[in-house]
């Protein structure tokens, strides 16, 4: 390609080549500035793509988890997922972050994060997905920022601005729309299944609040490795009586879904999210969580064939609006 470019350039340059004249310093500075701005723009768009893909994979995994829950017991799905994640994160953490030994207090905090954010969240989510639809589960997951805001106000005594309270109100109306869908029998979900998914959301909100206590004290991949390890220990007593169920993995489609679910949700999404956060403008990353309910809805409707009615559409608008309102960066004054 470079040779073709040089040939074309020579053909159009004329018979007598013009002598090269160096650009004045001011013009060179302008060109360097333009190149720098283009490079910055490219890095920002790359960051946006990483953040969007991370959340899209999280949302898509709601549908994948529902399929897995039809073939494997819930504890076994989580136990195998944690085991695969540990096997991948162990060498990855050593390669990227070296040998890091968190303090005892940090390890206790990571253990509690594992209990709420991995064990409780995933057990409740997968149990709920056995009863409700991936569409409604994905919409309920969009309440997470509002639940975190309420948890921060109640537990950490944080003062919420009016915009956060508006996000909480929209989330409540969105949940009301899903309840209305159950009453009107517009979907194929269940109230109990939706409640279990919301319990999972509350567990994930506790994980987020606990993470604030140790922010910056341990590298991200190392922290994730410890949490997956703690989760595996917590889930082992539930998995041991169900070892016979691994026979379902003889089916290639089930084994493939489990590997995809484990490596994307526990490893790839994590790496994409934090890589994007390093390059994206401050405060903008949370906006991309809107891709979670959108991708969950798309997989549920397009791949799983779940119905999408008017009440679901209203819930989607309200819950996505709540999510964006809670995560959109505040305007700086001055």
C-alpha atoms as a PDB file:
ATOM      1  CA  UNK A   1       0.000   0.000   0.000  1.00  0.00           C
ATOM      2  CA  UNK A   2       2.858   2.388   0.783  1.00  0.00           C
ATOM      3  CA  UNK A   3       4.424   1.707  -2.623  1.00  0.00           C
ATOM      4  CA  UNK A   4       1.134   2.417  -4.410  1.00  0.00           C
ATOM      5  CA  UNK A   5       0.800   5.689  -2.519  1.00  0.00           C
ATOM      6  CA  UNK A   6       4.320   6.755  -3.483  1.00  0.00           C
ATOM      7  CA  UNK A   7       3.698   5.886  -7.159  1.00  0.00           C
ATOM      8  CA  UNK A   8       0.509   7.922  -7.271  1.00  0.00           C
ATOM      9  CA  UNK A   9       2.198  10.783  -5.511  1.00  0.00           C
ATOM     10  CA  UNK A  10       5.009  10.745  -8.079  1.00  0.00           C
ATOM     11  CA  UNK A  11       2.595  10.663 -11.030  1.00  0.00           C
ATOM     12  CA  UNK A  12       0.711  13.703  -9.779  1.00  0.00           C
ATOM     13  CA  UNK A  13       3.712  15.623  -8.574  1.00  0.00           C
ATOM     14  CA  UNK A  14       4.887  16.680 -12.076  1.00  0.00           C
ATOM     15  CA  UNK A  15       8.186  16.147 -13.884  1.00  0.00           C
ATOM     16  CA  UNK A  16      10.281  18.386 -11.618  1.00  0.00           C
ATOM     17  CA  UNK A  17      10.109  17.636  -7.910  1.00  0.00           C
ATOM     18  CA  UNK A  18       9.736  20.657  -5.691  1.00  0.00           C
ATOM     19  CA  UNK A  19      12.370  21.119  -3.025  1.00  0.00           C
ATOM     20  CA  UNK A  20      11.248  20.284   0.483  1.00  0.00           C
ATOM     21  CA  UNK A  21      10.868  23.295   2.723  1.00  0.00           C
ATOM     22  CA  UNK A  22      10.466  22.782   6.429  1.00  0.00           C
ATOM     23  CA  UNK A  23       7.269  24.185   7.892  1.00  0.00           C
ATOM     24  CA  UNK A  24       7.639  27.219  10.130  1.00  0.00           C
ATOM     25  CA  UNK A  25       7.727  26.442  13.841  1.00  0.00           C
ATOM     26  CA  UNK A  26       4.222  27.897  14.359  1.00  0.00           C
ATOM     27  CA  UNK A  27       2.772  25.701  11.621  1.00  0.00           C
ATOM     28  CA  UNK A  28       4.557  22.648  13.001  1.00  0.00           C
ATOM     29  CA  UNK A  29       3.118  23.376  16.438  1.00  0.00           C
ATOM     30  CA  UNK A  30      -0.370  23.627  14.937  1.00  0.00           C
ATOM     31  CA  UNK A  31       0.059  20.289  13.164  1.00  0.00           C
ATOM     32  CA  UNK A  32       1.309  18.642  16.343  1.00  0.00           C
ATOM     33  CA  UNK A  33      -1.632  20.094  18.263  1.00  0.00           C
ATOM     34  CA  UNK A  34      -4.082  18.785  15.662  1.00  0.00           C
ATOM     35  CA  UNK A  35      -2.456  15.340  15.741  1.00  0.00           C
ATOM     36  CA  UNK A  36      -2.604  15.365  19.545  1.00  0.00           C
ATOM     37  CA  UNK A  37      -6.309  16.273  19.522  1.00  0.00           C
ATOM     38  CA  UNK A  38      -7.031  13.502  17.021  1.00  0.00           C
ATOM     39  CA  UNK A  39      -5.106  11.034  19.163  1.00  0.00           C
ATOM     40  CA  UNK A  40      -7.015  12.124  22.275  1.00  0.00           C
ATOM     41  CA  UNK A  41     -10.333  11.774  20.419  1.00  0.00           C
ATOM     42  CA  UNK A  42      -9.388   8.291  19.243  1.00  0.00           C
ATOM     43  CA  UNK A  43      -8.486   7.249  22.789  1.00  0.00           C
ATOM     44  CA  UNK A  44     -11.767   8.625  24.145  1.00  0.00           C
ATOM     45  CA  UNK A  45     -13.813   6.773  21.514  1.00  0.00           C
ATOM     46  CA  UNK A  46     -11.881   3.598  22.276  1.00  0.00           C
ATOM     47  CA  UNK A  47     -12.729   4.087  25.950  1.00  0.00           C
ATOM     48  CA  UNK A  48     -16.397   4.601  25.116  1.00  0.00           C
ATOM     49  CA  UNK A  49     -16.386   1.396  23.047  1.00  0.00           C
ATOM     50  CA  UNK A  50     -14.810  -0.552  25.909  1.00  0.00           C
ATOM     51  CA  UNK A  51     -17.337   0.745  28.441  1.00  0.00           C
ATOM     52  CA  UNK A  52     -20.284   0.076  26.132  1.00  0.00           C
ATOM     53  CA  UNK A  53     -19.090  -3.449  25.273  1.00  0.00           C
ATOM     54  CA  UNK A  54     -18.519  -4.253  28.939  1.00  0.00           C
ATOM     55  CA  UNK A  55     -22.071  -3.320  29.914  1.00  0.00           C
ATOM     56  CA  UNK A  56     -23.546  -4.918  26.794  1.00  0.00           C
ATOM     57  CA  UNK A  57     -21.875  -8.214  27.750  1.00  0.00           C
ATOM     58  CA  UNK A  58     -23.218  -7.907  31.309  1.00  0.00           C
ATOM     59  CA  UNK A  59     -26.720  -7.439  29.920  1.00  0.00           C
ATOM     60  CA  UNK A  60     -26.364 -10.270  27.399  1.00  0.00           C
ATOM     61  CA  UNK A  61     -25.238 -12.586  30.193  1.00  0.00           C
ATOM     62  CA  UNK A  62     -28.661 -12.243  31.812  1.00  0.00           C
ATOM     63  CA  UNK A  63     -30.097 -14.260  28.928  1.00  0.00           C
ATOM     64  CA  UNK A  64     -27.149 -16.674  28.979  1.00  0.00           C
ATOM     65  CA  UNK A  65     -27.620 -17.230  32.725  1.00  0.00           C
ATOM     66  CA  UNK A  66     -31.300 -18.011  32.168  1.00  0.00           C
ATOM     67  CA  UNK A  67     -30.375 -20.698  29.632  1.00  0.00           C
ATOM     68  CA  UNK A  68     -27.786 -22.190  31.991  1.00  0.00           C
ATOM     69  CA  UNK A  69     -30.269 -22.208  34.884  1.00  0.00           C
ATOM     70  CA  UNK A  70     -32.481 -24.538  32.840  1.00  0.00           C
ATOM     71  CA  UNK A  71     -29.740 -27.203  32.639  1.00  0.00           C
ATOM     72  CA  UNK A  72     -27.628 -26.820  35.792  1.00  0.00           C
ATOM     73  CA  UNK A  73     -28.383 -26.201  39.490  1.00  0.00           C
ATOM     74  CA  UNK A  74     -27.802 -22.579  40.463  1.00  0.00           C
ATOM     75  CA  UNK A  75     -25.016 -23.254  43.030  1.00  0.00           C
ATOM     76  CA  UNK A  76     -23.143 -25.428  40.513  1.00  0.00           C
ATOM     77  CA  UNK A  77     -23.269 -22.705  37.866  1.00  0.00           C
ATOM     78  CA  UNK A  78     -21.754 -20.229  40.300  1.00  0.00           C
ATOM     79  CA  UNK A  79     -19.195 -22.663  41.701  1.00  0.00           C
ATOM     80  CA  UNK A  80     -17.895 -23.626  38.261  1.00  0.00           C
ATOM     81  CA  UNK A  81     -17.940 -19.997  37.159  1.00  0.00           C
ATOM     82  CA  UNK A  82     -15.843 -18.929  40.170  1.00  0.00           C
ATOM     83  CA  UNK A  83     -13.410 -21.822  39.637  1.00  0.00           C
ATOM     84  CA  UNK A  84     -12.882 -20.843  35.989  1.00  0.00           C
ATOM     85  CA  UNK A  85     -12.503 -17.192  36.938  1.00  0.00           C
ATOM     86  CA  UNK A  86      -9.860 -17.986  39.572  1.00  0.00           C
ATOM     87  CA  UNK A  87      -7.935 -20.114  37.068  1.00  0.00           C
ATOM     88  CA  UNK A  88      -7.791 -17.177  34.641  1.00  0.00           C
ATOM     89  CA  UNK A  89      -7.396 -14.295  37.108  1.00  0.00           C
ATOM     90  CA  UNK A  90      -4.545 -15.875  39.084  1.00  0.00           C
ATOM     91  CA  UNK A  91      -1.892 -15.638  36.337  1.00  0.00           C
ATOM     92  CA  UNK A  92      -3.468 -12.430  35.001  1.00  0.00           C
ATOM     93  CA  UNK A  93      -3.165 -10.669  38.363  1.00  0.00           C
ATOM     94  CA  UNK A  94       0.475 -11.776  38.709  1.00  0.00           C
ATOM     95  CA  UNK A  95       1.306 -10.591  35.178  1.00  0.00           C
ATOM     96  CA  UNK A  96      -0.463  -7.210  35.393  1.00  0.00           C
ATOM     97  CA  UNK A  97      -0.094  -6.280  39.073  1.00  0.00           C
ATOM     98  CA  UNK A  98       2.607  -8.493  40.546  1.00  0.00           C
ATOM     99  CA  UNK A  99       2.448 -10.111  43.984  1.00  0.00           C
ATOM    100  CA  UNK A 100       0.076  -8.018  46.094  1.00  0.00           C
ATOM    101  CA  UNK A 101      -0.796  -8.982  49.672  1.00  0.00           C
ATOM    102  CA  UNK A 102      -3.805  -7.016  50.942  1.00  0.00           C
ATOM    103  CA  UNK A 103      -4.034  -6.182  54.636  1.00  0.00           C
ATOM    104  CA  UNK A 104      -6.266  -8.205  56.957  1.00  0.00           C
ATOM    105  CA  UNK A 105      -8.869  -5.432  57.064  1.00  0.00           C
ATOM    106  CA  UNK A 106      -9.000  -5.236  53.266  1.00  0.00           C
ATOM    107  CA  UNK A 107      -9.329  -9.017  53.015  1.00  0.00           C
ATOM    108  CA  UNK A 108     -12.291  -8.983  55.416  1.00  0.00           C
ATOM    109  CA  UNK A 109     -13.911  -6.282  53.309  1.00  0.00           C
ATOM    110  CA  UNK A 110     -13.288  -8.292  50.112  1.00  0.00           C
ATOM    111  CA  UNK A 111     -14.844 -11.342  51.787  1.00  0.00           C
ATOM    112  CA  UNK A 112     -17.993  -9.351  52.572  1.00  0.00           C
ATOM    113  CA  UNK A 113     -18.020  -8.006  49.013  1.00  0.00           C
ATOM    114  CA  UNK A 114     -17.844 -11.591  47.760  1.00  0.00           C
ATOM    115  CA  UNK A 115     -20.707 -12.619  50.048  1.00  0.00           C
ATOM    116  CA  UNK A 116     -23.009  -9.823  48.848  1.00  0.00           C
ATOM    117  CA  UNK A 117     -21.798  -9.055  45.326  1.00  0.00           C
ATOM    118  CA  UNK A 118     -20.966 -12.537  44.062  1.00  0.00           C
ATOM    119  CA  UNK A 119     -22.746 -15.131  46.188  1.00  0.00           C
ATOM    120  CA  UNK A 120     -26.000 -13.379  47.151  1.00  0.00           C
ATOM    121  CA  UNK A 121     -26.338 -11.372  43.943  1.00  0.00           C
ATOM    122  CA  UNK A 122     -25.813 -14.326  41.608  1.00  0.00           C
ATOM    123  CA  UNK A 123     -27.758 -16.854  43.686  1.00  0.00           C
ATOM    124  CA  UNK A 124     -30.773 -14.536  43.810  1.00  0.00           C
ATOM    125  CA  UNK A 125     -30.433 -13.536  40.148  1.00  0.00           C
ATOM    126  CA  UNK A 126     -30.176 -17.097  38.845  1.00  0.00           C
ATOM    127  CA  UNK A 127     -32.942 -18.336  41.146  1.00  0.00           C
ATOM    128  CA  UNK A 128     -35.117 -15.470  39.931  1.00  0.00           C
ATOM    129  CA  UNK A 129     -34.314 -16.235  36.294  1.00  0.00           C
ATOM    130  CA  UNK A 130     -35.727 -19.729  36.782  1.00  0.00           C
ATOM    131  CA  UNK A 131     -39.110 -18.068  37.416  1.00  0.00           C
ATOM    132  CA  UNK A 132     -39.129 -14.794  35.515  1.00  0.00           C
ATOM    133  CA  UNK A 133     -38.051 -13.618  32.078  1.00  0.00           C
ATOM    134  CA  UNK A 134     -34.602 -12.360  31.101  1.00  0.00           C
ATOM    135  CA  UNK A 135     -36.310  -9.191  29.846  1.00  0.00           C
ATOM    136  CA  UNK A 136     -37.820  -8.271  33.213  1.00  0.00           C
ATOM    137  CA  UNK A 137     -34.681  -9.340  35.087  1.00  0.00           C
ATOM    138  CA  UNK A 138     -32.579  -7.043  32.892  1.00  0.00           C
ATOM    139  CA  UNK A 139     -34.925  -4.141  33.541  1.00  0.00           C
ATOM    140  CA  UNK A 140     -34.814  -4.719  37.300  1.00  0.00           C
ATOM    141  CA  UNK A 141     -31.012  -4.665  37.201  1.00  0.00           C
ATOM    142  CA  UNK A 142     -31.275  -1.073  35.936  1.00  0.00           C
ATOM    143  CA  UNK A 143     -32.472  -0.044  39.423  1.00  0.00           C
ATOM    144  CA  UNK A 144     -28.967  -0.606  40.827  1.00  0.00           C
ATOM    145  CA  UNK A 145     -27.790   3.063  40.836  1.00  0.00           C
ATOM    146  CA  UNK A 146     -30.989   4.146  42.600  1.00  0.00           C
ATOM    147  CA  UNK A 147     -30.665   1.354  45.197  1.00  0.00           C
ATOM    148  CA  UNK A 148     -27.014   2.315  45.768  1.00  0.00           C
ATOM    149  CA  UNK A 149     -28.103   5.937  46.293  1.00  0.00           C
ATOM    150  CA  UNK A 150     -30.715   4.927  48.873  1.00  0.00           C
ATOM    151  CA  UNK A 151     -28.226   2.598  50.577  1.00  0.00           C
ATOM    152  CA  UNK A 152     -25.651   5.388  50.764  1.00  0.00           C
ATOM    153  CA  UNK A 153     -28.213   7.688  52.353  1.00  0.00           C
ATOM    154  CA  UNK A 154     -29.365   5.116  54.921  1.00  0.00           C
ATOM    155  CA  UNK A 155     -26.076   3.384  55.757  1.00  0.00           C
ATOM    156  CA  UNK A 156     -23.351   5.920  55.017  1.00  0.00           C
ATOM    157  CA  UNK A 157     -25.506   8.951  55.891  1.00  0.00           C
ATOM    158  CA  UNK A 158     -24.781  10.520  52.521  1.00  0.00           C
ATOM    159  CA  UNK A 159     -26.855  13.531  51.536  1.00  0.00           C
ATOM    160  CA  UNK A 160     -28.598  12.891  48.235  1.00  0.00           C
ATOM    161  CA  UNK A 161     -29.106  15.756  45.781  1.00  0.00           C
ATOM    162  CA  UNK A 162     -32.583  16.236  44.277  1.00  0.00           C
ATOM    163  CA  UNK A 163     -31.483  14.544  41.048  1.00  0.00           C
ATOM    164  CA  UNK A 164     -30.705  11.313  42.908  1.00  0.00           C
ATOM    165  CA  UNK A 165     -34.114  11.348  44.587  1.00  0.00           C
ATOM    166  CA  UNK A 166     -35.689  11.860  41.150  1.00  0.00           C
ATOM    167  CA  UNK A 167     -33.758   8.804  39.921  1.00  0.00           C
ATOM    168  CA  UNK A 168     -35.107   6.793  42.869  1.00  0.00           C
ATOM    169  CA  UNK A 169     -38.652   7.917  42.031  1.00  0.00           C
ATOM    170  CA  UNK A 170     -38.271   6.906  38.371  1.00  0.00           C
ATOM    171  CA  UNK A 171     -36.913   3.524  39.433  1.00  0.00           C
ATOM    172  CA  UNK A 172     -39.920   3.026  41.714  1.00  0.00           C
ATOM    173  CA  UNK A 173     -42.315   3.892  38.866  1.00  0.00           C
ATOM    174  CA  UNK A 174     -40.424   1.534  36.556  1.00  0.00           C
ATOM    175  CA  UNK A 175     -40.753  -1.303  39.060  1.00  0.00           C
ATOM    176  CA  UNK A 176     -44.427  -0.411  39.329  1.00  0.00           C
ATOM    177  CA  UNK A 177     -44.753  -0.861  35.570  1.00  0.00           C
ATOM    178  CA  UNK A 178     -43.331  -4.386  35.863  1.00  0.00           C
ATOM    179  CA  UNK A 179     -45.777  -5.168  38.669  1.00  0.00           C
ATOM    180  CA  UNK A 180     -48.561  -3.894  36.411  1.00  0.00           C
ATOM    181  CA  UNK A 181     -47.295  -6.210  33.673  1.00  0.00           C
ATOM    182  CA  UNK A 182     -47.697  -9.121  36.101  1.00  0.00           C
ATOM    183  CA  UNK A 183     -51.250  -8.057  37.018  1.00  0.00           C
ATOM    184  CA  UNK A 184     -52.181  -7.588  33.366  1.00  0.00           C
ATOM    185  CA  UNK A 185     -50.452 -10.889  32.486  1.00  0.00           C
ATOM    186  CA  UNK A 186     -48.703  -9.085  29.615  1.00  0.00           C
ATOM    187  CA  UNK A 187     -45.460 -11.011  30.093  1.00  0.00           C
ATOM    188  CA  UNK A 188     -44.358 -14.508  31.078  1.00  0.00           C
ATOM    189  CA  UNK A 189     -42.458 -13.584  34.242  1.00  0.00           C
ATOM    190  CA  UNK A 190     -43.473 -13.930  37.870  1.00  0.00           C
ATOM    191  CA  UNK A 191     -43.682 -11.621  40.865  1.00  0.00           C
ATOM    192  CA  UNK A 192     -41.576 -13.990  42.998  1.00  0.00           C
ATOM    193  CA  UNK A 193     -38.912 -14.227  40.300  1.00  0.00           C
ATOM    194  CA  UNK A 194     -38.768 -10.442  39.994  1.00  0.00           C
ATOM    195  CA  UNK A 195     -38.521 -10.126  43.777  1.00  0.00           C
ATOM    196  CA  UNK A 196     -35.572 -12.525  43.842  1.00  0.00           C
ATOM    197  CA  UNK A 197     -33.810 -10.521  41.126  1.00  0.00           C
ATOM    198  CA  UNK A 198     -34.367  -7.349  43.157  1.00  0.00           C
ATOM    199  CA  UNK A 199     -32.874  -9.068  46.220  1.00  0.00           C
ATOM    200  CA  UNK A 200     -29.847  -9.707  44.031  1.00  0.00           C
ATOM    201  CA  UNK A 201     -29.755  -6.013  43.131  1.00  0.00           C
ATOM    202  CA  UNK A 202     -29.722  -5.158  46.848  1.00  0.00           C
ATOM    203  CA  UNK A 203     -26.782  -7.534  47.318  1.00  0.00           C
ATOM    204  CA  UNK A 204     -24.900  -5.857  44.466  1.00  0.00           C
ATOM    205  CA  UNK A 205     -25.663  -2.441  45.992  1.00  0.00           C
ATOM    206  CA  UNK A 206     -24.062  -3.604  49.253  1.00  0.00           C
ATOM    207  CA  UNK A 207     -21.044  -4.719  47.227  1.00  0.00           C
ATOM    208  CA  UNK A 208     -20.750  -1.230  45.696  1.00  0.00           C
ATOM    209  CA  UNK A 209     -21.017   0.476  49.100  1.00  0.00           C
ATOM    210  CA  UNK A 210     -18.457  -1.887  50.635  1.00  0.00           C
ATOM    211  CA  UNK A 211     -16.096  -1.270  47.717  1.00  0.00           C
ATOM    212  CA  UNK A 212     -15.973   2.431  48.607  1.00  0.00           C
ATOM    213  CA  UNK A 213     -14.280   1.539  51.904  1.00  0.00           C
ATOM    214  CA  UNK A 214     -11.224  -0.006  50.213  1.00  0.00           C
ATOM    215  CA  UNK A 215     -11.104   2.012  46.991  1.00  0.00           C
ATOM    216  CA  UNK A 216      -7.500   2.370  45.823  1.00  0.00           C
ATOM    217  CA  UNK A 217      -6.090   0.044  48.518  1.00  0.00           C
ATOM    218  CA  UNK A 218      -5.795  -3.036  46.282  1.00  0.00           C
ATOM    219  CA  UNK A 219      -5.429  -3.355  42.464  1.00  0.00           C
ATOM    220  CA  UNK A 220      -8.584  -4.220  40.547  1.00  0.00           C
ATOM    221  CA  UNK A 221      -7.626  -7.631  39.123  1.00  0.00           C
ATOM    222  CA  UNK A 222      -6.101  -8.753  42.433  1.00  0.00           C
ATOM    223  CA  UNK A 223      -9.250  -7.668  44.290  1.00  0.00           C
ATOM    224  CA  UNK A 224     -11.414  -9.586  41.822  1.00  0.00           C
ATOM    225  CA  UNK A 225      -9.210 -12.677  42.238  1.00  0.00           C
ATOM    226  CA  UNK A 226      -9.621 -12.618  46.023  1.00  0.00           C
ATOM    227  CA  UNK A 227     -13.387 -12.097  45.749  1.00  0.00           C
ATOM    228  CA  UNK A 228     -13.783 -14.991  43.310  1.00  0.00           C
ATOM    229  CA  UNK A 229     -11.683 -17.171  45.627  1.00  0.00           C
ATOM    230  CA  UNK A 230     -13.765 -16.248  48.674  1.00  0.00           C
ATOM    231  CA  UNK A 231     -16.953 -16.873  46.694  1.00  0.00           C
ATOM    232  CA  UNK A 232     -15.720 -20.319  45.657  1.00  0.00           C
ATOM    233  CA  UNK A 233     -15.128 -21.220  49.328  1.00  0.00           C
ATOM    234  CA  UNK A 234     -18.595 -19.961  50.280  1.00  0.00           C
ATOM    235  CA  UNK A 235     -20.293 -21.892  47.477  1.00  0.00           C
ATOM    236  CA  UNK A 236     -18.364 -25.153  47.906  1.00  0.00           C
ATOM    237  CA  UNK A 237     -20.717 -26.586  50.604  1.00  0.00           C
ATOM    238  CA  UNK A 238     -23.670 -25.976  48.265  1.00  0.00           C
ATOM    239  CA  UNK A 239     -21.902 -27.479  45.249  1.00  0.00           C
ATOM    240  CA  UNK A 240     -20.594 -30.719  46.781  1.00  0.00           C
ATOM    241  CA  UNK A 241     -24.021 -32.438  47.028  1.00  0.00           C
ATOM    242  CA  UNK A 242     -24.689 -31.494  43.382  1.00  0.00           C
ATOM    243  CA  UNK A 243     -21.523 -32.884  41.775  1.00  0.00           C
ATOM    244  CA  UNK A 244     -23.546 -35.355  39.751  1.00  0.00           C
ATOM    245  CA  UNK A 245     -25.131 -32.482  37.822  1.00  0.00           C
ATOM    246  CA  UNK A 246     -21.859 -31.778  35.981  1.00  0.00           C
ATOM    247  CA  UNK A 247     -22.918 -34.553  33.606  1.00  0.00           C
ATOM    248  CA  UNK A 248     -24.943 -31.858  31.847  1.00  0.00           C
ATOM    249  CA  UNK A 249     -21.638 -30.361  30.666  1.00  0.00           C
ATOM    250  CA  UNK A 250     -21.268 -33.287  28.282  1.00  0.00           C
ATOM    251  CA  UNK A 251     -23.554 -31.296  25.995  1.00  0.00           C
ATOM    252  CA  UNK A 252     -21.249 -28.942  24.020  1.00  0.00           C
ATOM    253  CA  UNK A 253     -23.792 -26.107  24.018  1.00  0.00           C
ATOM    254  CA  UNK A 254     -24.094 -26.161  27.822  1.00  0.00           C
ATOM    255  CA  UNK A 255     -20.319 -26.284  28.323  1.00  0.00           C
ATOM    256  CA  UNK A 256     -19.836 -23.483  25.801  1.00  0.00           C
ATOM    257  CA  UNK A 257     -22.416 -21.273  27.485  1.00  0.00           C
ATOM    258  CA  UNK A 258     -20.795 -21.868  30.883  1.00  0.00           C
ATOM    259  CA  UNK A 259     -17.318 -20.933  29.605  1.00  0.00           C
ATOM    260  CA  UNK A 260     -18.686 -17.850  27.840  1.00  0.00           C
ATOM    261  CA  UNK A 261     -20.662 -16.796  30.920  1.00  0.00           C
ATOM    262  CA  UNK A 262     -17.712 -17.342  33.263  1.00  0.00           C
ATOM    263  CA  UNK A 263     -14.997 -15.627  31.239  1.00  0.00           C
ATOM    264  CA  UNK A 264     -17.055 -12.673  30.036  1.00  0.00           C
ATOM    265  CA  UNK A 265     -18.892 -11.800  33.251  1.00  0.00           C
ATOM    266  CA  UNK A 266     -15.994 -12.416  35.650  1.00  0.00           C
ATOM    267  CA  UNK A 267     -12.949 -11.485  33.550  1.00  0.00           C
ATOM    268  CA  UNK A 268     -13.548  -9.756  30.219  1.00  0.00           C
ATOM    269  CA  UNK A 269     -16.220  -7.312  31.441  1.00  0.00           C
ATOM    270  CA  UNK A 270     -13.975  -6.340  34.348  1.00  0.00           C
ATOM    271  CA  UNK A 271     -10.951  -5.692  32.132  1.00  0.00           C
ATOM    272  CA  UNK A 272     -12.954  -3.757  29.529  1.00  0.00           C
ATOM    273  CA  UNK A 273     -14.668  -1.597  32.157  1.00  0.00           C
ATOM    274  CA  UNK A 274     -11.532  -0.541  33.987  1.00  0.00           C
ATOM    275  CA  UNK A 275      -9.567  -0.063  30.767  1.00  0.00           C
ATOM    276  CA  UNK A 276     -12.322   2.275  29.581  1.00  0.00           C
ATOM    277  CA  UNK A 277     -12.451   4.120  32.901  1.00  0.00           C
ATOM    278  CA  UNK A 278      -8.730   4.918  32.662  1.00  0.00           C
ATOM    279  CA  UNK A 279      -9.218   6.697  29.322  1.00  0.00           C
ATOM    280  CA  UNK A 280     -12.736   8.131  29.554  1.00  0.00           C
ATOM    281  CA  UNK A 281     -13.420  11.655  30.867  1.00  0.00           C
ATOM    282  CA  UNK A 282     -14.079  11.728  34.606  1.00  0.00           C
ATOM    283  CA  UNK A 283     -17.613  10.846  35.661  1.00  0.00           C
ATOM    284  CA  UNK A 284     -18.902   9.728  32.257  1.00  0.00           C
ATOM    285  CA  UNK A 285     -18.416   5.960  32.722  1.00  0.00           C
ATOM    286  CA  UNK A 286     -21.643   5.468  34.669  1.00  0.00           C
ATOM    287  CA  UNK A 287     -23.726   6.623  31.704  1.00  0.00           C
ATOM    288  CA  UNK A 288     -22.722   3.501  29.784  1.00  0.00           C
ATOM    289  CA  UNK A 289     -24.520   1.288  32.306  1.00  0.00           C
ATOM    290  CA  UNK A 290     -27.592   2.068  30.171  1.00  0.00           C
ATOM    291  CA  UNK A 291     -26.289  -0.581  27.772  1.00  0.00           C
ATOM    292  CA  UNK A 292     -27.059  -3.238  30.413  1.00  0.00           C
ATOM    293  CA  UNK A 293     -30.878  -3.167  30.267  1.00  0.00           C
ATOM    294  CA  UNK A 294     -30.782  -2.431  26.537  1.00  0.00           C
ATOM    295  CA  UNK A 295     -28.661  -5.480  25.691  1.00  0.00           C
ATOM    296  CA  UNK A 296     -30.570  -7.668  28.161  1.00  0.00           C
ATOM    297  CA  UNK A 297     -33.840  -6.677  26.472  1.00  0.00           C
ATOM    298  CA  UNK A 298     -32.402  -7.240  22.999  1.00  0.00           C
ATOM    299  CA  UNK A 299     -31.168 -10.766  23.844  1.00  0.00           C
ATOM    300  CA  UNK A 300     -34.423 -11.634  25.621  1.00  0.00           C
ATOM    301  CA  UNK A 301     -36.639 -10.512  22.749  1.00  0.00           C
ATOM    302  CA  UNK A 302     -34.526 -11.340  19.698  1.00  0.00           C
ATOM    303  CA  UNK A 303     -32.812 -14.559  20.802  1.00  0.00           C
ATOM    304  CA  UNK A 304     -35.047 -15.997  23.520  1.00  0.00           C
ATOM    305  CA  UNK A 305     -38.315 -14.909  21.899  1.00  0.00           C
ATOM    306  CA  UNK A 306     -39.750 -13.296  25.023  1.00  0.00           C
ATOM    307  CA  UNK A 307     -42.727 -10.932  24.584  1.00  0.00           C
ATOM    308  CA  UNK A 308     -42.204  -7.177  24.834  1.00  0.00           C
ATOM    309  CA  UNK A 309     -45.439  -5.287  25.534  1.00  0.00           C
ATOM    310  CA  UNK A 310     -46.376  -1.665  26.083  1.00  0.00           C
ATOM    311  CA  UNK A 311     -46.005  -1.961  29.838  1.00  0.00           C
ATOM    312  CA  UNK A 312     -42.502  -3.358  29.354  1.00  0.00           C
ATOM    313  CA  UNK A 313     -41.717  -0.425  27.076  1.00  0.00           C
ATOM    314  CA  UNK A 314     -42.893   2.007  29.758  1.00  0.00           C
ATOM    315  CA  UNK A 315     -40.807   0.214  32.377  1.00  0.00           C
ATOM    316  CA  UNK A 316     -37.785   0.286  30.067  1.00  0.00           C
ATOM    317  CA  UNK A 317     -38.088   4.052  29.548  1.00  0.00           C
ATOM    318  CA  UNK A 318     -38.594   4.775  33.253  1.00  0.00           C
ATOM    319  CA  UNK A 319     -35.805   2.503  34.495  1.00  0.00           C
ATOM    320  CA  UNK A 320     -33.317   3.600  31.850  1.00  0.00           C
ATOM    321  CA  UNK A 321     -34.194   7.212  32.652  1.00  0.00           C
ATOM    322  CA  UNK A 322     -33.570   6.515  36.339  1.00  0.00           C
ATOM    323  CA  UNK A 323     -30.228   4.905  35.520  1.00  0.00           C
ATOM    324  CA  UNK A 324     -29.084   7.828  33.357  1.00  0.00           C
ATOM    325  CA  UNK A 325     -30.304  10.400  35.857  1.00  0.00           C
ATOM    326  CA  UNK A 326     -28.361   8.707  38.651  1.00  0.00           C
ATOM    327  CA  UNK A 327     -25.128   8.272  36.694  1.00  0.00           C
ATOM    328  CA  UNK A 328     -24.947  11.307  34.375  1.00  0.00           C
ATOM    329  CA  UNK A 329     -21.967  13.462  35.412  1.00  0.00           C
ATOM    330  CA  UNK A 330     -22.898  16.623  37.286  1.00  0.00           C
ATOM    331  CA  UNK A 331     -22.138  19.954  35.636  1.00  0.00           C
ATOM    332  CA  UNK A 332     -19.112  21.601  37.144  1.00  0.00           C
ATOM    333  CA  UNK A 333     -19.499  25.133  38.421  1.00  0.00           C
ATOM    334  CA  UNK A 334     -16.717  27.592  37.675  1.00  0.00           C
END
